[in-house]
Amino acid sequence: MSLVRWSSLVSRFAFVGAAAVLAVGVASAQLAPAPDSSHSATVSATESSSNDYQPTDSQPMTGAESADPAAPAASGAAAAHGQYDNHGGGGGSHGLVSRLAFEAGGGFNAPIGNDTPYITWGGNFTIGGGLHFSKRFSLLAEYQFIDDKLPGAFVAAGGGTGGNAHIQSITASPVIELFPKRSTGVYVVGGGGWYHKSTNFTVEECCDFYGYPVNVTANSFSSDQLGGNIGLGMDHRLGGVYGDGTMKLFAEARYLYLHTPSITQTDGLGTTELIPVPFGVRW
């Protein structure tokens, strides 16, 4: 092969190589990622927004403007949660209110022991209030009124035509829940305090404004003394709208003992024993 032909081949290879290098460079330039216009716009908008609200001497930044935008939603959610949390263990007046206890009820009384010749069946009414120290233990101050009739033989022996025995009391009564986590539970209740008992004999006289006979108290005996009671009860917790109800329906029976003074030395009125059975609501 001649020298002229070799020179021609080398020239062609050099031209092809240069063209290939140029083509690769152009292709690389075309395939390179372009600047993200949306990112630039976001950055510009953010910078513009932040610049628009930069605090100046004439327009200081307030606490509301500097707060986290998510804070109102979070505080609103917390407020909504606290609105229905009536068990709250928080301090302040909310915690005290959640510990308050109330009750109201009424029922009947049954005489027992040696008192059956001197007192018979009747009714009672109870109201009270206090504090829940825990789910298991509460302490109530109770007022109770008991109204019982007197047996006919006892009334006749006293020279009357009718009679009644009234017992009023103010007592401190602890309540101990045996199963505080159950919706239906059993509790122990008891207490003691001041009792006032009055025994009244009535006679029928004529007449009232309309001409009807009326009963007038002919004789009455009363006394003040300390007394006590103890018993068992059953309660059922109501669910409440949000499943957090604190109201309970209850039924209980207590043994009540009073050491009342005797009207005479032989009439057997030295004690009073009853079984009050109230039904009611407690919360």
Protein backbone atom coordinates (compact mmCIF):
# COMPACT_ATOMS: atom_id res chain seq x y z
CA MET A 1 0.00 0.00 0.00
CA SER A 2 1.34 3.39 -0.88
CA LEU A 3 2.11 6.15 1.55
CA VAL A 4 -0.49 8.40 -0.02
CA ARG A 5 -3.23 5.81 0.62
CA TRP A 6 -2.23 5.44 4.33
CA SER A 7 -2.36 9.20 4.77
CA SER A 8 -5.87 9.24 3.28
CA LEU A 9 -7.09 6.52 5.67
CA VAL A 10 -5.67 8.27 8.75
CA SER A 11 -7.32 11.51 7.75
CA ARG A 12 -10.71 9.80 7.40
CA PHE A 13 -10.44 8.09 10.84
CA ALA A 14 -9.47 11.39 12.46
CA PHE A 15 -12.47 13.13 10.90
CA VAL A 16 -14.87 10.38 11.98
CA GLY A 17 -13.47 10.43 15.56
CA ALA A 18 -13.83 14.20 15.84
CA ALA A 19 -17.41 14.01 14.57
CA ALA A 20 -18.23 11.30 17.12
CA VAL A 21 -16.79 13.32 20.01
CA LEU A 22 -18.76 16.37 18.90
CA ALA A 23 -22.00 14.34 18.67
CA VAL A 24 -21.55 12.91 22.19
CA GLY A 25 -20.98 16.39 23.59
CA VAL A 26 -24.13 17.76 21.94
CA ALA A 27 -26.21 14.82 23.19
CA SER A 28 -24.96 15.24 26.75
CA ALA A 29 -25.85 18.91 26.70
CA GLN A 30 -29.37 18.12 25.50
CA LEU A 31 -29.96 15.39 28.11
CA ALA A 32 -28.77 17.44 31.12
CA PRO A 33 -31.72 18.22 33.62
CA ALA A 34 -33.14 21.66 33.29
CA PRO A 35 -33.66 23.85 36.42
CA ASP A 36 -36.96 23.06 38.25
CA SER A 37 -39.08 26.06 37.54
CA SER A 38 -41.78 25.04 40.08
CA HIS A 39 -39.18 24.67 42.85
CA SER A 40 -37.78 28.07 41.97
CA ALA A 41 -41.24 29.55 42.03
CA THR A 42 -41.94 27.98 45.45
CA VAL A 43 -38.67 29.27 46.84
CA SER A 44 -39.37 32.71 45.41
CA ALA A 45 -42.89 32.69 46.83
CA THR A 46 -41.60 31.55 50.22
CA GLU A 47 -38.93 34.21 50.24
CA SER A 48 -41.45 36.79 49.16
CA SER A 49 -43.94 35.66 51.81
CA SER A 50 -41.32 35.66 54.54
CA ASN A 51 -40.08 39.05 53.45
CA ASP A 52 -43.62 40.43 53.47
CA TYR A 53 -44.09 39.46 57.14
CA GLN A 54 -40.72 40.34 58.55
CA PRO A 55 -41.23 42.28 61.80
CA THR A 56 -40.35 45.93 61.62
CA ASP A 57 -40.19 48.65 64.21
CA SER A 58 -43.59 49.94 63.10
CA GLN A 59 -45.22 46.49 62.92
CA PRO A 60 -43.99 44.19 65.73
CA MET A 61 -44.82 40.51 65.47
CA THR A 62 -47.62 39.45 67.84
CA GLY A 63 -47.78 36.16 69.72
CA ALA A 64 -50.64 34.94 67.51
CA GLU A 65 -48.60 35.58 64.33
CA SER A 66 -45.54 33.79 65.68
CA ALA A 67 -47.48 30.72 66.88
CA ASP A 68 -47.45 27.43 65.04
CA PRO A 69 -50.43 27.31 62.61
CA ALA A 70 -51.22 23.81 63.87
CA ALA A 71 -51.56 25.04 67.45
CA PRO A 72 -55.25 26.17 67.19
CA ALA A 73 -56.30 22.75 65.91
CA ALA A 74 -54.36 21.00 68.66
CA SER A 75 -55.78 23.23 71.38
CA GLY A 76 -59.28 22.77 69.97
CA ALA A 77 -58.89 19.00 70.07
CA ALA A 78 -57.67 19.20 73.66
CA ALA A 79 -60.64 21.37 74.58
CA ALA A 80 -63.05 18.92 72.96
CA HIS A 81 -61.45 16.06 74.88
CA GLY A 82 -61.68 17.91 78.17
CA GLN A 83 -65.31 18.86 77.53
CA TYR A 84 -66.48 15.30 78.10
CA ASP A 85 -63.88 14.17 80.64
CA ASN A 86 -65.86 14.56 83.88
CA HIS A 87 -63.55 12.22 85.75
CA GLY A 88 -60.62 14.54 85.27
CA GLY A 89 -57.83 14.13 87.71
CA GLY A 90 -56.69 17.69 87.11
CA GLY A 91 -56.44 20.22 89.82
CA GLY A 92 -58.51 23.30 90.42
CA SER A 93 -62.27 23.57 90.65
CA HIS A 94 -62.82 20.90 87.95
CA GLY A 95 -61.07 18.28 90.07
CA LEU A 96 -63.08 19.25 93.16
CA VAL A 97 -66.40 19.18 91.32
CA SER A 98 -65.67 15.71 89.95
CA ARG A 99 -65.20 14.48 93.53
CA LEU A 100 -68.54 15.75 94.85
CA ALA A 101 -71.08 13.07 95.82
CA PHE A 102 -74.88 13.34 96.20
CA GLU A 103 -77.71 10.96 96.95
CA ALA A 104 -81.48 10.98 97.35
CA GLY A 105 -83.87 8.14 98.01
CA GLY A 106 -86.79 6.77 99.95
CA GLY A 107 -88.29 3.47 101.01
CA PHE A 108 -89.79 1.58 103.94
CA ASN A 109 -88.82 0.53 107.48
CA ALA A 110 -89.33 -2.77 109.28
CA PRO A 111 -89.20 -3.09 113.10
CA ILE A 112 -87.18 -5.91 114.64
CA GLY A 113 -86.20 -7.18 118.07
CA ASN A 114 -88.09 -6.20 121.19
CA ASP A 115 -89.58 -3.11 119.54
CA THR A 116 -92.29 -4.85 117.52
CA PRO A 117 -94.99 -4.25 120.21
CA TYR A 118 -94.15 -0.52 120.28
CA ILE A 119 -93.48 0.46 116.66
CA THR A 120 -94.65 -0.85 113.31
CA TRP A 121 -93.94 -0.41 109.60
CA GLY A 122 -93.51 2.97 107.92
CA GLY A 123 -91.56 4.96 105.36
CA ASN A 124 -88.32 6.91 105.13
CA PHE A 125 -86.67 9.64 103.11
CA THR A 126 -82.90 10.20 102.82
CA ILE A 127 -80.78 12.92 101.25
CA GLY A 128 -77.04 13.43 101.50
CA GLY A 129 -73.86 14.83 100.05
CA GLY A 130 -70.12 14.45 100.44
CA LEU A 131 -66.91 13.57 98.63
CA HIS A 132 -65.50 10.71 96.56
CA PHE A 133 -61.99 10.12 97.90
CA SER A 134 -61.45 7.32 95.38
CA LYS A 135 -63.51 4.97 93.21
CA ARG A 136 -63.71 2.65 96.20
CA PHE A 137 -64.34 5.04 99.12
CA SER A 138 -66.79 7.92 99.65
CA LEU A 139 -67.93 9.81 102.73
CA LEU A 140 -71.46 11.26 102.94
CA ALA A 141 -73.27 13.49 105.39
CA GLU A 142 -76.86 12.20 105.46
CA TYR A 143 -80.19 13.51 106.69
CA GLN A 144 -82.91 10.88 107.15
CA PHE A 145 -86.54 11.15 108.22
CA ILE A 146 -88.41 8.04 109.37
CA ASP A 147 -92.17 7.93 109.90
CA ASP A 148 -93.57 4.77 111.54
CA LYS A 149 -96.99 3.99 112.91
CA LEU A 150 -97.69 2.73 116.43
CA PRO A 151 -99.42 -0.64 116.97
CA GLY A 152 -103.10 -0.45 117.89
CA ALA A 153 -102.68 -2.22 121.24
CA PHE A 154 -99.96 0.20 122.29
CA VAL A 155 -102.07 3.19 121.23
CA ALA A 156 -105.09 1.90 123.17
CA ALA A 157 -102.95 1.36 126.27
CA GLY A 158 -101.87 4.98 126.02
CA GLY A 159 -105.47 6.19 125.85
CA GLY A 160 -105.32 7.41 122.26
CA THR A 161 -106.93 6.59 118.94
CA GLY A 162 -103.78 6.78 116.81
CA GLY A 163 -100.09 7.49 116.98
CA ASN A 164 -96.75 7.65 115.20
CA ALA A 165 -93.03 7.58 115.83
CA HIS A 166 -90.77 10.03 114.01
CA ILE A 167 -86.99 9.69 113.85
CA GLN A 168 -84.77 12.38 112.35
CA SER A 169 -81.03 11.96 112.04
CA ILE A 170 -77.86 13.64 110.78
CA THR A 171 -75.03 11.14 110.37
CA ALA A 172 -71.63 10.66 108.76
CA SER A 173 -71.80 7.60 106.51
CA PRO A 174 -68.80 6.05 104.74
CA VAL A 175 -69.52 4.01 101.58
CA ILE A 176 -67.04 1.32 100.53
CA GLU A 177 -67.44 -0.14 97.03
CA LEU A 178 -66.37 -3.79 96.92
CA PHE A 179 -66.25 -3.99 93.10
CA PRO A 180 -65.61 -0.41 91.89
CA LYS A 181 -64.78 -1.39 88.28
CA ARG A 182 -68.06 -3.20 87.64
CA SER A 183 -71.19 -1.49 86.37
CA THR A 184 -73.24 -3.45 88.92
CA GLY A 185 -71.57 -3.68 92.30
CA VAL A 186 -72.00 -4.30 96.01
CA TYR A 187 -71.02 -1.87 98.75
CA VAL A 188 -70.80 -1.67 102.52
CA VAL A 189 -72.36 1.36 104.20
CA GLY A 190 -72.66 2.49 107.78
CA GLY A 191 -72.20 5.41 110.08
CA GLY A 192 -73.37 7.20 113.14
CA GLY A 193 -74.40 10.54 114.51
CA TRP A 194 -77.27 12.49 116.08
CA TYR A 195 -80.80 11.05 116.28
CA HIS A 196 -84.01 12.69 117.48
CA LYS A 197 -87.00 10.43 118.17
CA SER A 198 -90.51 11.50 119.10
CA THR A 199 -93.40 9.17 119.98
CA ASN A 200 -96.82 10.80 119.57
CA PHE A 201 -100.28 9.67 120.66
CA THR A 202 -103.26 11.27 118.97
CA VAL A 203 -106.98 11.44 119.71
CA GLU A 204 -109.82 12.20 117.36
CA GLU A 205 -111.72 15.41 117.99
CA CYS A 206 -114.47 17.28 116.26
CA CYS A 207 -114.18 19.16 114.07
CA ASP A 208 -112.25 21.09 111.46
CA PHE A 209 -113.50 24.04 109.39
CA TYR A 210 -115.45 21.71 107.11
CA GLY A 211 -117.00 19.66 109.94
CA TYR A 212 -114.67 16.62 109.66
CA PRO A 213 -113.05 15.01 112.72
CA VAL A 214 -109.34 15.70 113.16
CA ASN A 215 -106.52 13.97 115.01
CA VAL A 216 -104.90 16.05 117.73
CA THR A 217 -101.71 15.13 119.56
CA ALA A 218 -102.66 14.24 123.10
CA ASN A 219 -99.28 13.12 124.40
CA SER A 220 -95.73 13.12 123.07
CA PHE A 221 -92.34 11.87 124.25
CA SER A 222 -89.05 12.80 122.59
CA SER A 223 -85.36 12.27 123.10
CA ASP A 224 -81.98 13.09 121.56
CA GLN A 225 -79.17 10.57 121.50
CA LEU A 226 -76.31 9.11 119.51
CA GLY A 227 -77.01 6.15 117.28
CA GLY A 228 -75.53 4.08 114.53
CA ASN A 229 -76.31 1.99 111.46
CA ILE A 230 -74.60 -0.52 109.22
CA GLY A 231 -75.70 -2.39 106.12
CA LEU A 232 -75.15 -3.65 102.59
CA GLY A 233 -76.30 -2.25 99.27
CA MET A 234 -76.29 -2.91 95.55
CA ASP A 235 -75.84 -0.24 92.88
CA HIS A 236 -75.89 -0.08 89.09
CA ARG A 237 -73.93 2.57 87.21
CA LEU A 238 -75.68 4.22 84.28
CA GLY A 239 -73.59 4.48 81.11
CA GLY A 240 -73.93 8.16 80.31
CA VAL A 241 -73.92 9.71 76.81
CA TYR A 242 -70.18 9.16 76.33
CA GLY A 243 -69.79 6.00 78.42
CA ASP A 244 -68.44 7.95 81.38
CA GLY A 245 -71.56 8.20 83.56
CA THR A 246 -71.22 8.55 87.31
CA MET A 247 -74.91 8.27 88.25
CA LYS A 248 -75.91 5.08 90.06
CA LEU A 249 -79.21 3.52 91.06
CA PHE A 250 -79.01 1.91 94.48
CA ALA A 251 -80.96 -0.26 96.90
CA GLU A 252 -79.75 -0.99 100.41
CA ALA A 253 -80.77 -2.29 103.82
CA ARG A 254 -79.29 -1.08 107.10
CA TYR A 255 -79.61 -2.12 110.70
CA LEU A 256 -80.40 0.94 112.83
CA TYR A 257 -79.89 0.97 116.60
CA LEU A 258 -80.83 3.70 119.07
CA HIS A 259 -80.53 3.57 122.83
CA THR A 260 -83.57 5.69 123.59
CA PRO A 261 -84.61 6.44 127.18
CA SER A 262 -87.60 4.59 128.62
CA ILE A 263 -90.92 6.35 129.03
CA THR A 264 -91.46 4.17 132.09
CA GLN A 265 -89.28 1.57 133.73
CA THR A 266 -91.22 -1.40 132.32
CA ASP A 267 -92.53 -0.41 128.87
CA GLY A 268 -89.49 -1.73 126.98
CA LEU A 269 -88.79 1.52 125.11
CA GLY A 270 -85.15 1.63 126.16
CA THR A 271 -84.01 0.73 122.62
CA THR A 272 -85.16 1.28 119.06
CA GLU A 273 -84.19 -1.18 116.34
CA LEU A 274 -85.26 -0.82 112.72
CA ILE A 275 -84.30 -1.98 109.23
CA PRO A 276 -84.63 1.01 106.87
CA VAL A 277 -84.65 -0.07 103.19
CA PRO A 278 -84.22 2.93 100.85
CA PHE A 279 -84.07 3.00 97.03
CA GLY A 280 -82.69 5.93 95.12
CA VAL A 281 -80.02 7.55 93.01
CA ARG A 282 -76.43 8.41 93.89
CA TRP A 283 -73.71 10.15 91.90
